[in-house]
PDB file of N, CA and C in Angstrom:
ATOM      1  N   UNK A   1      38.243 -33.927  39.153  1.00  0.00           N
ATOM      2  CA  UNK A   1      37.627 -33.836  40.461  1.00  0.00           C
ATOM      3  C   UNK A   1      38.153 -32.570  41.123  1.00  0.00           C
ATOM      4  N   UNK A   2      37.289 -31.859  41.786  1.00  0.00           N
ATOM      5  CA  UNK A   2      37.706 -30.607  42.408  1.00  0.00           C
ATOM      6  C   UNK A   2      38.556 -30.887  43.638  1.00  0.00           C
ATOM      7  N   UNK A   3      39.358 -29.914  44.007  1.00  0.00           N
ATOM      8  CA  UNK A   3      40.221 -30.068  45.177  1.00  0.00           C
ATOM      9  C   UNK A   3      39.408 -30.201  46.456  1.00  0.00           C
ATOM     10  N   UNK A   4      38.204 -29.645  46.482  1.00  0.00           N
ATOM     11  CA  UNK A   4      37.349 -29.752  47.659  1.00  0.00           C
ATOM     12  C   UNK A   4      36.932 -31.215  47.858  1.00  0.00           C
ATOM     13  N   UNK A   5      36.513 -31.881  46.756  1.00  0.00           N
ATOM     14  CA  UNK A   5      36.112 -33.283  46.858  1.00  0.00           C
ATOM     15  C   UNK A   5      37.292 -34.163  47.243  1.00  0.00           C
ATOM     16  N   UNK A   6      38.471 -33.905  46.654  1.00  0.00           N
ATOM     17  CA  UNK A   6      39.669 -34.678  46.982  1.00  0.00           C
ATOM     18  C   UNK A   6      40.012 -34.493  48.447  1.00  0.00           C
ATOM     19  N   UNK A   7      39.926 -33.272  48.927  1.00  0.00           N
ATOM     20  CA  UNK A   7      40.233 -32.989  50.325  1.00  0.00           C
ATOM     21  C   UNK A   7      39.274 -33.734  51.254  1.00  0.00           C
ATOM     22  N   UNK A   8      38.025 -33.866  50.842  1.00  0.00           N
ATOM     23  CA  UNK A   8      37.060 -34.589  51.662  1.00  0.00           C
ATOM     24  C   UNK A   8      37.303 -36.098  51.612  1.00  0.00           C
ATOM     25  N   UNK A   9      37.732 -36.609  50.454  1.00  0.00           N
ATOM     26  CA  UNK A   9      37.981 -38.037  50.306  1.00  0.00           C
ATOM     27  C   UNK A   9      39.274 -38.471  50.990  1.00  0.00           C
ATOM     28  N   UNK A  10      40.272 -37.621  50.984  1.00  0.00           N
ATOM     29  CA  UNK A  10      41.588 -37.998  51.500  1.00  0.00           C
ATOM     30  C   UNK A  10      41.537 -38.502  52.937  1.00  0.00           C
ATOM     31  N   UNK A  11      40.902 -37.809  53.877  1.00  0.00           N
ATOM     32  CA  UNK A  11      40.868 -38.319  55.247  1.00  0.00           C
ATOM     33  C   UNK A  11      40.151 -39.673  55.351  1.00  0.00           C
ATOM     34  N   UNK A  12      39.073 -39.843  54.608  1.00  0.00           N
ATOM     35  CA  UNK A  12      38.346 -41.112  54.645  1.00  0.00           C
ATOM     36  C   UNK A  12      39.220 -42.236  54.090  1.00  0.00           C
ATOM     37  N   UNK A  13      39.911 -41.973  52.978  1.00  0.00           N
ATOM     38  CA  UNK A  13      40.806 -42.964  52.388  1.00  0.00           C
ATOM     39  C   UNK A  13      41.939 -43.291  53.355  1.00  0.00           C
ATOM     40  N   UNK A  14      42.507 -42.267  53.962  1.00  0.00           N
ATOM     41  CA  UNK A  14      43.592 -42.459  54.925  1.00  0.00           C
ATOM     42  C   UNK A  14      43.118 -43.327  56.088  1.00  0.00           C
ATOM     43  N   UNK A  15      41.928 -43.049  56.604  1.00  0.00           N
ATOM     44  CA  UNK A  15      41.387 -43.828  57.724  1.00  0.00           C
ATOM     45  C   UNK A  15      41.185 -45.293  57.335  1.00  0.00           C
ATOM     46  N   UNK A  16      40.659 -45.525  56.116  1.00  0.00           N
ATOM     47  CA  UNK A  16      40.462 -46.900  55.657  1.00  0.00           C
ATOM     48  C   UNK A  16      41.800 -47.626  55.525  1.00  0.00           C
ATOM     49  N   UNK A  17      42.786 -46.943  54.971  1.00  0.00           N
ATOM     50  CA  UNK A  17      44.107 -47.550  54.801  1.00  0.00           C
ATOM     51  C   UNK A  17      44.732 -47.856  56.160  1.00  0.00           C
ATOM     52  N   UNK A  18      44.563 -46.958  57.107  1.00  0.00           N
ATOM     53  CA  UNK A  18      45.109 -47.158  58.446  1.00  0.00           C
ATOM     54  C   UNK A  18      44.487 -48.395  59.092  1.00  0.00           C
ATOM     55  N   UNK A  19      43.177 -48.556  58.949  1.00  0.00           N
ATOM     56  CA  UNK A  19      42.484 -49.723  59.496  1.00  0.00           C
ATOM     57  C   UNK A  19      42.989 -50.995  58.818  1.00  0.00           C
ATOM     58  N   UNK A  20      43.151 -50.959  57.489  1.00  0.00           N
ATOM     59  CA  UNK A  20      43.638 -52.134  56.761  1.00  0.00           C
ATOM     60  C   UNK A  20      45.036 -52.529  57.219  1.00  0.00           C
ATOM     61  N   UNK A  21      45.922 -51.553  57.360  1.00  0.00           N
ATOM     62  CA  UNK A  21      47.293 -51.832  57.795  1.00  0.00           C
ATOM     63  C   UNK A  21      47.294 -52.382  59.215  1.00  0.00           C
ATOM     64  N   UNK A  22      46.502 -51.797  60.088  1.00  0.00           N
ATOM     65  CA  UNK A  22      46.413 -52.281  61.469  1.00  0.00           C
ATOM     66  C   UNK A  22      45.914 -53.726  61.506  1.00  0.00           C
ATOM     67  N   UNK A  23      44.889 -54.035  60.707  1.00  0.00           N
ATOM     68  CA  UNK A  23      44.372 -55.410  60.651  1.00  0.00           C
ATOM     69  C   UNK A  23      45.424 -56.375  60.120  1.00  0.00           C
ATOM     70  N   UNK A  24      46.177 -55.956  59.108  1.00  0.00           N
ATOM     71  CA  UNK A  24      47.237 -56.807  58.558  1.00  0.00           C
ATOM     72  C   UNK A  24      48.318 -57.058  59.601  1.00  0.00           C
ATOM     73  N   UNK A  25      48.675 -56.033  60.350  1.00  0.00           N
ATOM     74  CA  UNK A  25      49.694 -56.196  61.391  1.00  0.00           C
ATOM     75  C   UNK A  25      49.213 -57.171  62.460  1.00  0.00           C
ATOM     76  N   UNK A  26      47.946 -57.067  62.837  1.00  0.00           N
ATOM     77  CA  UNK A  26      47.394 -57.989  63.833  1.00  0.00           C
ATOM     78  C   UNK A  26      47.432 -59.421  63.317  1.00  0.00           C
ATOM     79  N   UNK A  27      47.052 -59.616  62.056  1.00  0.00           N
ATOM     80  CA  UNK A  27      47.054 -60.958  61.470  1.00  0.00           C
ATOM     81  C   UNK A  27      48.467 -61.518  61.383  1.00  0.00           C
ATOM     82  N   UNK A  28      49.427 -60.689  61.034  1.00  0.00           N
ATOM     83  CA  UNK A  28      50.806 -61.146  60.888  1.00  0.00           C
ATOM     84  C   UNK A  28      51.441 -61.513  62.220  1.00  0.00           C
ATOM     85  N   UNK A  29      50.966 -60.952  63.295  1.00  0.00           N
ATOM     86  CA  UNK A  29      51.541 -61.212  64.608  1.00  0.00           C
ATOM     87  C   UNK A  29      50.654 -62.115  65.460  1.00  0.00           C
ATOM     88  N   UNK A  30      49.679 -62.735  64.847  1.00  0.00           N
ATOM     89  CA  UNK A  30      48.715 -63.530  65.601  1.00  0.00           C
ATOM     90  C   UNK A  30      49.100 -65.008  65.550  1.00  0.00           C
ATOM     91  N   UNK A  31      49.139 -65.626  66.708  1.00  0.00           N
ATOM     92  CA  UNK A  31      49.401 -67.061  66.799  1.00  0.00           C
ATOM     93  C   UNK A  31      48.099 -67.832  66.640  1.00  0.00           C
ATOM     94  N   UNK A  32      48.194 -69.101  66.227  1.00  0.00           N
ATOM     95  CA  UNK A  32      46.982 -69.925  66.190  1.00  0.00           C
ATOM     96  C   UNK A  32      46.402 -70.061  67.593  1.00  0.00           C
ATOM     97  N   UNK A  33      45.123 -70.371  67.656  1.00  0.00           N
ATOM     98  CA  UNK A  33      44.486 -70.574  68.957  1.00  0.00           C
ATOM     99  C   UNK A  33      45.047 -71.839  69.604  1.00  0.00           C
ATOM    100  N   UNK A  34      44.809 -71.987  70.877  1.00  0.00           N
ATOM    101  CA  UNK A  34      45.258 -73.177  71.606  1.00  0.00           C
ATOM    102  C   UNK A  34      44.663 -74.439  70.988  1.00  0.00           C
ATOM    103  N   UNK A  35      43.406 -74.375  70.603  1.00  0.00           N
ATOM    104  CA  UNK A  35      42.746 -75.526  69.975  1.00  0.00           C
ATOM    105  C   UNK A  35      43.403 -75.869  68.645  1.00  0.00           C
ATOM    106  N   UNK A  36      43.685 -74.851  67.832  1.00  0.00           N
ATOM    107  CA  UNK A  36      44.345 -75.089  66.542  1.00  0.00           C
ATOM    108  C   UNK A  36      45.729 -75.695  66.733  1.00  0.00           C
ATOM    109  N   UNK A  37      46.454 -75.207  67.715  1.00  0.00           N
ATOM    110  CA  UNK A  37      47.793 -75.739  67.993  1.00  0.00           C
ATOM    111  C   UNK A  37      47.691 -77.197  68.415  1.00  0.00           C
ATOM    112  N   UNK A  38      46.775 -77.514  69.318  1.00  0.00           N
ATOM    113  CA  UNK A  38      46.626 -78.899  69.788  1.00  0.00           C
ATOM    114  C   UNK A  38      46.272 -79.834  68.642  1.00  0.00           C
ATOM    115  N   UNK A  39      45.317 -79.431  67.801  1.00  0.00           N
ATOM    116  CA  UNK A  39      44.920 -80.265  66.666  1.00  0.00           C
ATOM    117  C   UNK A  39      46.085 -80.472  65.701  1.00  0.00           C
ATOM    118  N   UNK A  40      46.859 -79.422  65.454  1.00  0.00           N
ATOM    119  CA  UNK A  40      48.010 -79.527  64.550  1.00  0.00           C
ATOM    120  C   UNK A  40      49.072 -80.453  65.116  1.00  0.00           C
ATOM    121  N   UNK A  41      49.379 -80.294  66.392  1.00  0.00           N
ATOM    122  CA  UNK A  41      50.384 -81.143  67.044  1.00  0.00           C
ATOM    123  C   UNK A  41      49.923 -82.600  67.032  1.00  0.00           C
ATOM    124  N   UNK A  42      48.657 -82.839  67.333  1.00  0.00           N
ATOM    125  CA  UNK A  42      48.124 -84.206  67.310  1.00  0.00           C
ATOM    126  C   UNK A  42      48.232 -84.819  65.914  1.00  0.00           C
ATOM    127  N   UNK A  43      47.955 -84.024  64.898  1.00  0.00           N
ATOM    128  CA  UNK A  43      48.066 -84.513  63.523  1.00  0.00           C
ATOM    129  C   UNK A  43      49.506 -84.896  63.196  1.00  0.00           C
ATOM    130  N   UNK A  44      50.454 -84.031  63.558  1.00  0.00           N
ATOM    131  CA  UNK A  44      51.865 -84.336  63.305  1.00  0.00           C
ATOM    132  C   UNK A  44      52.322 -85.555  64.098  1.00  0.00           C
ATOM    133  N   UNK A  45      51.823 -85.711  65.315  1.00  0.00           N
ATOM    134  CA  UNK A  45      52.165 -86.903  66.107  1.00  0.00           C
ATOM    135  C   UNK A  45      51.670 -88.168  65.414  1.00  0.00           C
ATOM    136  N   UNK A  46      50.464 -88.101  64.882  1.00  0.00           N
ATOM    137  CA  UNK A  46      49.903 -89.260  64.187  1.00  0.00           C
ATOM    138  C   UNK A  46      50.753 -89.617  62.978  1.00  0.00           C
ATOM    139  N   UNK A  47      51.164 -88.623  62.221  1.00  0.00           N
ATOM    140  CA  UNK A  47      52.035 -88.859  61.068  1.00  0.00           C
ATOM    141  C   UNK A  47      53.433 -89.284  61.502  1.00  0.00           C
ATOM    142  N   UNK A  48      53.814 -88.956  62.730  1.00  0.00           N
ATOM    143  CA  UNK A  48      55.169 -89.209  63.212  1.00  0.00           C
ATOM    144  C   UNK A  48      55.484 -90.647  63.560  1.00  0.00           C
ATOM    145  N   UNK A  49      54.500 -91.512  63.610  1.00  0.00           N
ATOM    146  CA  UNK A  49      54.724 -92.922  63.909  1.00  0.00           C
ATOM    147  C   UNK A  49      55.001 -93.667  62.602  1.00  0.00           C
ATOM    148  N   UNK A  50      56.101 -94.427  62.543  1.00  0.00           N
ATOM    149  CA  UNK A  50      56.520 -95.093  61.306  1.00  0.00           C
ATOM    150  C   UNK A  50      55.478 -96.090  60.798  1.00  0.00           C
ATOM    151  N   UNK A  51      54.894 -96.868  61.692  1.00  0.00           N
ATOM    152  CA  UNK A  51      53.896 -97.856  61.266  1.00  0.00           C
ATOM    153  C   UNK A  51      52.669 -97.165  60.684  1.00  0.00           C
ATOM    154  N   UNK A  52      52.190 -96.135  61.359  1.00  0.00           N
ATOM    155  CA  UNK A  52      51.018 -95.413  60.846  1.00  0.00           C
ATOM    156  C   UNK A  52      51.340 -94.746  59.519  1.00  0.00           C
ATOM    157  N   UNK A  53      52.543 -94.211  59.398  1.00  0.00           N
ATOM    158  CA  UNK A  53      52.926 -93.562  58.138  1.00  0.00           C
ATOM    159  C   UNK A  53      52.972 -94.584  56.999  1.00  0.00           C
ATOM    160  N   UNK A  54      53.461 -95.790  57.281  1.00  0.00           N
ATOM    161  CA  UNK A  54      53.485 -96.837  56.257  1.00  0.00           C
ATOM    162  C   UNK A  54      52.064 -97.218  55.843  1.00  0.00           C
ATOM    163  N   UNK A  55      51.185 -97.330  56.810  1.00  0.00           N
ATOM    164  CA  UNK A  55      49.783 -97.642  56.499  1.00  0.00           C
ATOM    165  C   UNK A  55      49.186 -96.544  55.629  1.00  0.00           C
ATOM    166  N   UNK A  56      49.405 -95.297  56.013  1.00  0.00           N
ATOM    167  CA  UNK A  56      48.892 -94.178  55.222  1.00  0.00           C
ATOM    168  C   UNK A  56      49.481 -94.191  53.816  1.00  0.00           C
ATOM    169  N   UNK A  57      50.756 -94.547  53.702  1.00  0.00           N
ATOM    170  CA  UNK A  57      51.397 -94.619  52.385  1.00  0.00           C
ATOM    171  C   UNK A  57      50.734 -95.677  51.508  1.00  0.00           C
ATOM    172  N   UNK A  58      50.413 -96.821  52.095  1.00  0.00           N
ATOM    173  CA  UNK A  58      49.713 -97.860  51.333  1.00  0.00           C
ATOM    174  C   UNK A  58      48.323 -97.392  50.916  1.00  0.00           C
ATOM    175  N   UNK A  59      47.632 -96.732  51.826  1.00  0.00           N
ATOM    176  CA  UNK A  59      46.287 -96.249  51.512  1.00  0.00           C
ATOM    177  C   UNK A  59      46.324 -95.104  50.504  1.00  0.00           C
ATOM    178  N   UNK A  60      47.418 -94.395  50.451  1.00  0.00           N
ATOM    179  CA  UNK A  60      47.609 -93.351  49.440  1.00  0.00           C
ATOM    180  C   UNK A  60      47.562 -93.980  48.045  1.00  0.00           C
ATOM    181  N   UNK A  61      48.036 -95.216  47.946  1.00  0.00           N
ATOM    182  CA  UNK A  61      48.056 -95.935  46.667  1.00  0.00           C
ATOM    183  C   UNK A  61      46.695 -96.535  46.317  1.00  0.00           C
ATOM    184  N   UNK A  62      45.837 -96.723  47.319  1.00  0.00           N
ATOM    185  CA  UNK A  62      44.506 -97.273  47.075  1.00  0.00           C
ATOM    186  C   UNK A  62      43.940 -97.915  48.326  1.00  0.00           C
ATOM    187  N   UNK A  63      42.642 -98.187  48.305  1.00  0.00           N
ATOM    188  CA  UNK A  63      41.993 -98.764  49.485  1.00  0.00           C
ATOM    189  C   UNK A  63      42.456-100.198  49.699  1.00  0.00           C
ATOM    190  N   UNK A  64      42.483-100.607  50.981  1.00  0.00           N
ATOM    191  CA  UNK A  64      42.961-101.944  51.347  1.00  0.00           C
ATOM    192  C   UNK A  64      42.255-102.425  52.608  1.00  0.00           C
ATOM    193  N   UNK A  65      42.212-103.740  52.745  1.00  0.00           N
ATOM    194  CA  UNK A  65      41.702-104.355  53.967  1.00  0.00           C
ATOM    195  C   UNK A  65      42.862-104.528  54.944  1.00  0.00           C
ATOM    196  N   UNK A  66      42.540-104.874  56.180  1.00  0.00           N
ATOM    197  CA  UNK A  66      43.579-105.141  57.180  1.00  0.00           C
ATOM    198  C   UNK A  66      44.487-106.268  56.690  1.00  0.00           C
ATOM    199  N   UNK A  67      43.899-107.309  56.122  1.00  0.00           N
ATOM    200  CA  UNK A  67      44.691-108.447  55.628  1.00  0.00           C
ATOM    201  C   UNK A  67      45.649-108.021  54.518  1.00  0.00           C
ATOM    202  N   UNK A  68      45.192-107.162  53.633  1.00  0.00           N
ATOM    203  CA  UNK A  68      46.049-106.683  52.536  1.00  0.00           C
ATOM    204  C   UNK A  68      47.198-105.837  53.069  1.00  0.00           C
ATOM    205  N   UNK A  69      46.926-105.036  54.079  1.00  0.00           N
ATOM    206  CA  UNK A  69      47.983-104.216  54.683  1.00  0.00           C
ATOM    207  C   UNK A  69      48.983-105.117  55.395  1.00  0.00           C
ATOM    208  N   UNK A  70      48.474-106.088  56.144  1.00  0.00           N
ATOM    209  CA  UNK A  70      49.330-107.020  56.883  1.00  0.00           C
ATOM    210  C   UNK A  70      50.238-107.802  55.938  1.00  0.00           C
ATOM    211  N   UNK A  71      49.728-108.174  54.765  1.00  0.00           N
ATOM    212  CA  UNK A  71      50.512-108.942  53.797  1.00  0.00           C
ATOM    213  C   UNK A  71      51.718-108.158  53.285  1.00  0.00           C
ATOM    214  N   UNK A  72      51.611-106.842  53.236  1.00  0.00           N
ATOM    215  CA  UNK A  72      52.704-106.003  52.734  1.00  0.00           C
ATOM    216  C   UNK A  72      53.683-105.641  53.844  1.00  0.00           C
ATOM    217  N   UNK A  73      53.174-105.404  55.031  1.00  0.00           N
ATOM    218  CA  UNK A  73      54.008-104.956  56.148  1.00  0.00           C
ATOM    219  C   UNK A  73      54.389-106.131  57.045  1.00  0.00           C
ATOM    220  N   UNK A  74      55.488-106.001  57.722  1.00  0.00           N
ATOM    221  CA  UNK A  74      55.943-107.041  58.652  1.00  0.00           C
ATOM    222  C   UNK A  74      55.448-106.712  60.060  1.00  0.00           C
ATOM    223  N   UNK A  75      54.123-106.645  60.195  1.00  0.00           N
ATOM    224  CA  UNK A  75      53.486-106.270  61.458  1.00  0.00           C
ATOM    225  C   UNK A  75      52.258-107.165  61.636  1.00  0.00           C
ATOM    226  N   UNK A  76      51.941-107.505  62.871  1.00  0.00           N
ATOM    227  CA  UNK A  76      50.799-108.386  63.129  1.00  0.00           C
ATOM    228  C   UNK A  76      49.482-107.714  62.750  1.00  0.00           C
ATOM    229  N   UNK A  77      48.487-108.542  62.495  1.00  0.00           N
ATOM    230  CA  UNK A  77      47.173-108.038  62.133  1.00  0.00           C
ATOM    231  C   UNK A  77      46.564-107.214  63.267  1.00  0.00           C
ATOM    232  N   UNK A  78      46.780-107.642  64.509  1.00  0.00           N
ATOM    233  CA  UNK A  78      46.227-106.882  65.636  1.00  0.00           C
ATOM    234  C   UNK A  78      46.897-105.514  65.751  1.00  0.00           C
ATOM    235  N   UNK A  79      48.198-105.449  65.464  1.00  0.00           N
ATOM    236  CA  UNK A  79      48.898-104.156  65.505  1.00  0.00           C
ATOM    237  C   UNK A  79      48.386-103.230  64.403  1.00  0.00           C
ATOM    238  N   UNK A  80      48.137-103.791  63.215  1.00  0.00           N
ATOM    239  CA  UNK A  80      47.588-102.990  62.113  1.00  0.00           C
ATOM    240  C   UNK A  80      46.203-102.471  62.494  1.00  0.00           C
ATOM    241  N   UNK A  81      45.374-103.337  63.054  1.00  0.00           N
ATOM    242  CA  UNK A  81      44.026-102.926  63.469  1.00  0.00           C
ATOM    243  C   UNK A  81      44.089-101.817  64.509  1.00  0.00           C
ATOM    244  N   UNK A  82      45.011-101.941  65.445  1.00  0.00           N
ATOM    245  CA  UNK A  82      45.175-100.912  66.481  1.00  0.00           C
ATOM    246  C   UNK A  82      45.572 -99.573  65.851  1.00  0.00           C
ATOM    247  N   UNK A  83      46.516 -99.609  64.919  1.00  0.00           N
ATOM    248  CA  UNK A  83      46.966 -98.369  64.275  1.00  0.00           C
ATOM    249  C   UNK A  83      45.859 -97.768  63.407  1.00  0.00           C
ATOM    250  N   UNK A  84      45.088 -98.620  62.751  1.00  0.00           N
ATOM    251  CA  UNK A  84      43.966 -98.116  61.952  1.00  0.00           C
ATOM    252  C   UNK A  84      42.927 -97.437  62.837  1.00  0.00           C
ATOM    253  N   UNK A  85      42.722 -97.966  64.025  1.00  0.00           N
ATOM    254  CA  UNK A  85      41.792 -97.330  64.971  1.00  0.00           C
ATOM    255  C   UNK A  85      42.287 -95.923  65.314  1.00  0.00           C
ATOM    256  N   UNK A  86      43.580 -95.804  65.581  1.00  0.00           N
ATOM    257  CA  UNK A  86      44.165 -94.491  65.883  1.00  0.00           C
ATOM    258  C   UNK A  86      43.997 -93.545  64.696  1.00  0.00           C
ATOM    259  N   UNK A  87      44.240 -94.048  63.494  1.00  0.00           N
ATOM    260  CA  UNK A  87      44.107 -93.226  62.287  1.00  0.00           C
ATOM    261  C   UNK A  87      42.651 -92.823  62.049  1.00  0.00           C
ATOM    262  N   UNK A  88      41.713 -93.715  62.342  1.00  0.00           N
ATOM    263  CA  UNK A  88      40.287 -93.376  62.218  1.00  0.00           C
ATOM    264  C   UNK A  88      39.912 -92.281  63.205  1.00  0.00           C
ATOM    265  N   UNK A  89      40.372 -92.432  64.450  1.00  0.00           N
ATOM    266  CA  UNK A  89      40.053 -91.436  65.478  1.00  0.00           C
ATOM    267  C   UNK A  89      40.637 -90.071  65.132  1.00  0.00           C
ATOM    268  N   UNK A  90      41.763 -90.068  64.439  1.00  0.00           N
ATOM    269  CA  UNK A  90      42.382 -88.806  64.027  1.00  0.00           C
ATOM    270  C   UNK A  90      41.712 -88.226  62.781  1.00  0.00           C
ATOM    271  N   UNK A  91      40.785 -88.977  62.198  1.00  0.00           N
ATOM    272  CA  UNK A  91      40.086 -88.497  61.009  1.00  0.00           C
ATOM    273  C   UNK A  91      40.905 -88.614  59.736  1.00  0.00           C
ATOM    274  N   UNK A  92      41.931 -89.466  59.748  1.00  0.00           N
ATOM    275  CA  UNK A  92      42.796 -89.602  58.575  1.00  0.00           C
ATOM    276  C   UNK A  92      42.363 -90.723  57.641  1.00  0.00           C
ATOM    277  N   UNK A  93      41.695 -91.739  58.167  1.00  0.00           N
ATOM    278  CA  UNK A  93      41.208 -92.836  57.331  1.00  0.00           C
ATOM    279  C   UNK A  93      39.746 -93.126  57.657  1.00  0.00           C
ATOM    280  N   UNK A  94      39.084 -93.737  56.706  1.00  0.00           N
ATOM    281  CA  UNK A  94      37.710 -94.198  56.905  1.00  0.00           C
ATOM    282  C   UNK A  94      37.626 -95.644  56.442  1.00  0.00           C
ATOM    283  N   UNK A  95      36.736 -96.388  57.066  1.00  0.00           N
ATOM    284  CA  UNK A  95      36.520 -97.775  56.686  1.00  0.00           C
ATOM    285  C   UNK A  95      35.142 -97.954  56.088  1.00  0.00           C
ATOM    286  N   UNK A  96      35.087 -98.656  54.964  1.00  0.00           N
ATOM    287  CA  UNK A  96      33.816 -98.938  54.300  1.00  0.00           C
ATOM    288  C   UNK A  96      33.667-100.446  54.145  1.00  0.00           C
ATOM    289  N   UNK A  97      32.522-100.957  54.577  1.00  0.00           N
ATOM    290  CA  UNK A  97      32.283-102.400  54.504  1.00  0.00           C
ATOM    291  C   UNK A  97      32.169-102.829  53.045  1.00  0.00           C
ATOM    292  N   UNK A  98      32.890-103.911  52.727  1.00  0.00           N
ATOM    293  CA  UNK A  98      32.854-104.515  51.396  1.00  0.00           C
ATOM    294  C   UNK A  98      32.639-106.012  51.607  1.00  0.00           C
ATOM    295  N   UNK A  99      31.373-106.418  51.680  1.00  0.00           N
ATOM    296  CA  UNK A  99      31.067-107.807  52.024  1.00  0.00           C
ATOM    297  C   UNK A  99      31.378-108.044  53.488  1.00  0.00           C
ATOM    298  N   UNK A 100      32.221-109.050  53.749  1.00  0.00           N
ATOM    299  CA  UNK A 100      32.581-109.320  55.147  1.00  0.00           C
ATOM    300  C   UNK A 100      33.854-108.596  55.577  1.00  0.00           C
ATOM    301  N   UNK A 101      34.446-107.825  54.667  1.00  0.00           N
ATOM    302  CA  UNK A 101      35.672-107.092  54.977  1.00  0.00           C
ATOM    303  C   UNK A 101      35.408-105.595  55.050  1.00  0.00           C
ATOM    304  N   UNK A 102      36.322-104.898  55.700  1.00  0.00           N
ATOM    305  CA  UNK A 102      36.278-103.437  55.715  1.00  0.00           C
ATOM    306  C   UNK A 102      37.477-102.948  54.915  1.00  0.00           C
ATOM    307  N   UNK A 103      37.201-102.130  53.902  1.00  0.00           N
ATOM    308  CA  UNK A 103      38.257-101.526  53.092  1.00  0.00           C
ATOM    309  C   UNK A 103      38.529-100.139  53.660  1.00  0.00           C
ATOM    310  N   UNK A 104      39.794 -99.866  53.911  1.00  0.00           N
ATOM    311  CA  UNK A 104      40.194 -98.572  54.456  1.00  0.00           C
ATOM    312  C   UNK A 104      40.742 -97.688  53.343  1.00  0.00           C
ATOM    313  N   UNK A 105      40.396 -96.412  53.420  1.00  0.00           N
ATOM    314  CA  UNK A 105      40.893 -95.421  52.472  1.00  0.00           C
ATOM    315  C   UNK A 105      41.266 -94.160  53.238  1.00  0.00           C
ATOM    316  N   UNK A 106      42.032 -93.300  52.582  1.00  0.00           N
ATOM    317  CA  UNK A 106      42.321 -91.998  53.180  1.00  0.00           C
ATOM    318  C   UNK A 106      41.014 -91.223  53.274  1.00  0.00           C
ATOM    319  N   UNK A 107      40.875 -90.458  54.327  1.00  0.00           N
ATOM    320  CA  UNK A 107      39.592 -89.817  54.648  1.00  0.00           C
ATOM    321  C   UNK A 107      39.140 -88.791  53.617  1.00  0.00           C
ATOM    322  N   UNK A 108      40.071 -88.003  53.110  1.00  0.00           N
ATOM    323  CA  UNK A 108      39.669 -86.980  52.147  1.00  0.00           C
ATOM    324  C   UNK A 108      40.865 -86.505  51.327  1.00  0.00           C
ATOM    325  N   UNK A 109      40.585 -85.588  50.442  1.00  0.00           N
ATOM    326  CA  UNK A 109      41.601 -85.079  49.508  1.00  0.00           C
ATOM    327  C   UNK A 109      42.756 -84.388  50.232  1.00  0.00           C
ATOM    328  N   UNK A 110      42.500 -83.811  51.401  1.00  0.00           N
ATOM    329  CA  UNK A 110      43.567 -83.128  52.138  1.00  0.00           C
ATOM    330  C   UNK A 110      44.706 -84.081  52.484  1.00  0.00           C
ATOM    331  N   UNK A 111      44.383 -85.313  52.828  1.00  0.00           N
ATOM    332  CA  UNK A 111      45.412 -86.283  53.200  1.00  0.00           C
ATOM    333  C   UNK A 111      46.260 -86.622  51.977  1.00  0.00           C
ATOM    334  N   UNK A 112      45.613 -86.751  50.817  1.00  0.00           N
ATOM    335  CA  UNK A 112      46.365 -86.972  49.576  1.00  0.00           C
ATOM    336  C   UNK A 112      47.309 -85.798  49.316  1.00  0.00           C
ATOM    337  N   UNK A 113      46.812 -84.582  49.524  1.00  0.00           N
ATOM    338  CA  UNK A 113      47.625 -83.386  49.304  1.00  0.00           C
ATOM    339  C   UNK A 113      48.817 -83.346  50.256  1.00  0.00           C
ATOM    340  N   UNK A 114      48.612 -83.750  51.502  1.00  0.00           N
ATOM    341  CA  UNK A 114      49.715 -83.782  52.464  1.00  0.00           C
ATOM    342  C   UNK A 114      50.797 -84.724  51.965  1.00  0.00           C
ATOM    343  N   UNK A 115      50.406 -85.898  51.474  1.00  0.00           N
ATOM    344  CA  UNK A 115      51.392 -86.851  50.953  1.00  0.00           C
ATOM    345  C   UNK A 115      52.130 -86.283  49.751  1.00  0.00           C
ATOM    346  N   UNK A 116      51.421 -85.598  48.865  1.00  0.00           N
ATOM    347  CA  UNK A 116      52.076 -84.983  47.708  1.00  0.00           C
ATOM    348  C   UNK A 116      53.114 -83.961  48.165  1.00  0.00           C
ATOM    349  N   UNK A 117      52.753 -83.137  49.143  1.00  0.00           N
ATOM    350  CA  UNK A 117      53.678 -82.121  49.652  1.00  0.00           C
ATOM    351  C   UNK A 117      54.891 -82.755  50.326  1.00  0.00           C
ATOM    352  N   UNK A 118      54.670 -83.816  51.091  1.00  0.00           N
ATOM    353  CA  UNK A 118      55.784 -84.505  51.755  1.00  0.00           C
ATOM    354  C   UNK A 118      56.723 -85.087  50.709  1.00  0.00           C
ATOM    355  N   UNK A 119      56.164 -85.744  49.691  1.00  0.00           N
ATOM    356  CA  UNK A 119      56.991 -86.330  48.633  1.00  0.00           C
ATOM    357  C   UNK A 119      57.816 -85.257  47.931  1.00  0.00           C
ATOM    358  N   UNK A 120      57.180 -84.133  47.608  1.00  0.00           N
ATOM    359  CA  UNK A 120      57.899 -83.019  46.979  1.00  0.00           C
ATOM    360  C   UNK A 120      59.027 -82.533  47.877  1.00  0.00           C
ATOM    361  N   UNK A 121      58.721 -82.368  49.145  1.00  0.00           N
ATOM    362  CA  UNK A 121      59.697 -81.817  50.086  1.00  0.00           C
ATOM    363  C   UNK A 121      60.907 -82.728  50.240  1.00  0.00           C
ATOM    364  N   UNK A 122      60.707 -84.026  50.383  1.00  0.00           N
ATOM    365  CA  UNK A 122      61.848 -84.916  50.619  1.00  0.00           C
ATOM    366  C   UNK A 122      62.649 -85.168  49.347  1.00  0.00           C
ATOM    367  N   UNK A 123      62.075 -84.874  48.192  1.00  0.00           N
ATOM    368  CA  UNK A 123      62.800 -85.060  46.939  1.00  0.00           C
ATOM    369  C   UNK A 123      63.591 -83.827  46.536  1.00  0.00           C
ATOM    370  N   UNK A 124      63.439 -82.735  47.254  1.00  0.00           N
ATOM    371  CA  UNK A 124      64.184 -81.503  46.937  1.00  0.00           C
ATOM    372  C   UNK A 124      65.630 -81.628  47.337  1.00  0.00           C
TER     373      UNK A 124
END
């Protein structure tokens, strides 16, 4: 390539690199939005309750009805139902009708992944 072409390309390349570095610096110093922070804090609060965490742990193992959860935990059926409502509102569990019962499961693969990460972290 001739030196004339290189000389013409160099400023354009430099400008592109400068823009890329500036964008990277902005991304590295950027905080989450207020909405993202609120949603994250709410999610951690939901996980932060021992009863809800136990329910999620059981559902991590497989779907269950309120009666099945109550049989394993030393908590009243109404308390389990209340916590399941909170977990549903947070988008962490879903209920599917199975005859006259509702079977609860974790809402999606992300919740399973969170449990895997937590298990890994506490076992380190």
